[in-house]
Amino acid sequence: MNEKEEYCGSLEECLAKWSRRIDELEAEAKNAKGQKESEYRQKIDELHRIGKQMKINLDEIRKSAGHKWTPLKERADKIREELEASIDFPISRLR
């Protein structure tokens, strides 16, 4: 397996982990009331948006040839950081 394939695999694992976490948030949102429910929904929508960006970037990396994927990797790393920060920080605030 080459570096690009390994990197794509790591992104797929992260996306799967985040998807499971979003599913957990969806379940928690169903039990929330009023303002908390609204906050959950906003956060879930944001996470879906960021996750969609990551999926698009992952597809672009897969399709890229040679070293052209390096700038895409840098963008994916930034999206990953944004998603990790978004999924961890507010969840503690919502509870």
Protein backbone atom coordinates (compact mmCIF):
# COMPACT_ATOMS: atom_id res chain seq x y z
CA MET A 1 0.00 0.00 0.00
CA ASN A 2 1.42 3.39 -0.94
CA GLU A 3 1.31 6.59 1.11
CA LYS A 4 -1.77 7.96 -0.64
CA GLU A 5 -3.73 4.74 -0.11
CA GLU A 6 -2.75 4.67 3.55
CA TYR A 7 -3.79 8.29 3.97
CA CYS A 8 -7.14 7.66 2.28
CA GLY A 9 -7.66 4.70 4.61
CA SER A 10 -7.00 6.88 7.65
CA LEU A 11 -9.50 9.46 6.40
CA GLU A 12 -12.09 6.73 5.86
CA GLU A 13 -11.57 5.54 9.44
CA CYS A 14 -11.99 9.09 10.74
CA LEU A 15 -15.15 9.59 8.70
CA ALA A 16 -16.59 6.34 10.06
CA LYS A 17 -15.76 7.40 13.64
CA TRP A 18 -17.30 10.84 13.12
CA SER A 19 -20.37 9.31 11.51
CA ARG A 20 -20.91 7.10 14.57
CA ARG A 21 -20.48 10.13 16.83
CA ILE A 22 -22.98 12.14 14.79
CA ASP A 23 -25.43 9.23 15.12
CA GLU A 24 -24.95 9.40 18.90
CA LEU A 25 -25.62 13.13 18.83
CA GLU A 26 -28.77 12.53 16.78
CA ALA A 27 -30.01 10.16 19.47
CA GLU A 28 -29.16 12.66 22.21
CA ALA A 29 -30.91 15.43 20.30
CA LYS A 30 -34.13 13.42 20.32
CA ASN A 31 -34.07 13.53 24.13
CA ALA A 32 -33.16 17.20 24.35
CA LYS A 33 -35.76 19.90 24.82
CA GLY A 34 -36.05 23.53 23.79
CA GLN A 35 -32.80 25.43 23.39
CA LYS A 36 -30.64 22.34 23.91
CA GLU A 37 -32.38 20.54 21.06
CA SER A 38 -31.84 23.54 18.81
CA GLU A 39 -28.15 23.64 19.76
CA TYR A 40 -27.79 19.93 19.03
CA ARG A 41 -29.44 20.36 15.62
CA GLN A 42 -27.19 23.28 14.72
CA LYS A 43 -24.08 21.36 15.73
CA ILE A 44 -25.22 18.23 13.85
CA ASP A 45 -25.84 20.31 10.72
CA GLU A 46 -22.37 21.85 11.02
CA LEU A 47 -20.78 18.42 11.45
CA HIS A 48 -22.62 17.09 8.39
CA ARG A 49 -21.37 20.08 6.36
CA ILE A 50 -17.76 19.57 7.43
CA GLY A 51 -18.03 15.81 6.88
CA LYS A 52 -19.34 16.41 3.37
CA GLN A 53 -16.31 18.62 2.67
CA MET A 54 -14.06 15.82 3.88
CA LYS A 55 -15.77 13.24 1.65
CA ILE A 56 -15.39 15.50 -1.38
CA ASN A 57 -11.74 16.08 -0.57
CA LEU A 58 -11.18 12.34 -0.08
CA ASP A 59 -12.67 11.65 -3.52
CA GLU A 60 -10.39 14.31 -5.03
CA ILE A 61 -7.36 12.71 -3.37
CA ARG A 62 -8.30 9.29 -4.72
CA LYS A 63 -8.64 10.69 -8.25
CA SER A 64 -5.40 12.70 -8.13
CA ALA A 65 -2.31 11.46 -9.89
CA GLY A 66 1.28 11.50 -8.73
CA HIS A 67 2.22 14.17 -6.25
CA LYS A 68 -0.82 16.30 -7.10
CA TRP A 69 -2.55 14.92 -4.04
CA THR A 70 -0.16 16.67 -1.61
CA PRO A 71 -2.06 20.01 -1.57
CA LEU A 72 -5.29 18.04 -1.20
CA LYS A 73 -3.79 16.26 1.80
CA GLU A 74 -2.98 19.60 3.40
CA ARG A 75 -6.59 20.71 2.89
CA ALA A 76 -7.88 17.40 4.26
CA ASP A 77 -5.70 17.82 7.35
CA LYS A 78 -7.25 21.25 7.97
CA ILE A 79 -10.77 19.87 7.49
CA ARG A 80 -9.94 16.99 9.85
CA GLU A 81 -8.75 19.44 12.51
CA GLU A 82 -11.90 21.52 12.07
CA LEU A 83 -14.12 18.46 12.37
CA GLU A 84 -12.30 17.14 15.43
CA ALA A 85 -12.55 20.52 17.14
CA SER A 86 -16.21 20.86 16.21
CA ILE A 87 -17.19 17.39 17.32
CA ASP A 88 -15.40 17.53 20.68
CA PHE A 89 -15.70 21.07 22.00
CA PRO A 90 -19.43 21.82 21.86
CA ILE A 91 -20.61 18.37 22.86
CA SER A 92 -19.35 18.93 26.39
CA ARG A 93 -21.22 22.25 26.42
CA LEU A 94 -24.49 20.70 25.26
CA ARG A 95 -24.76 18.26 28.12
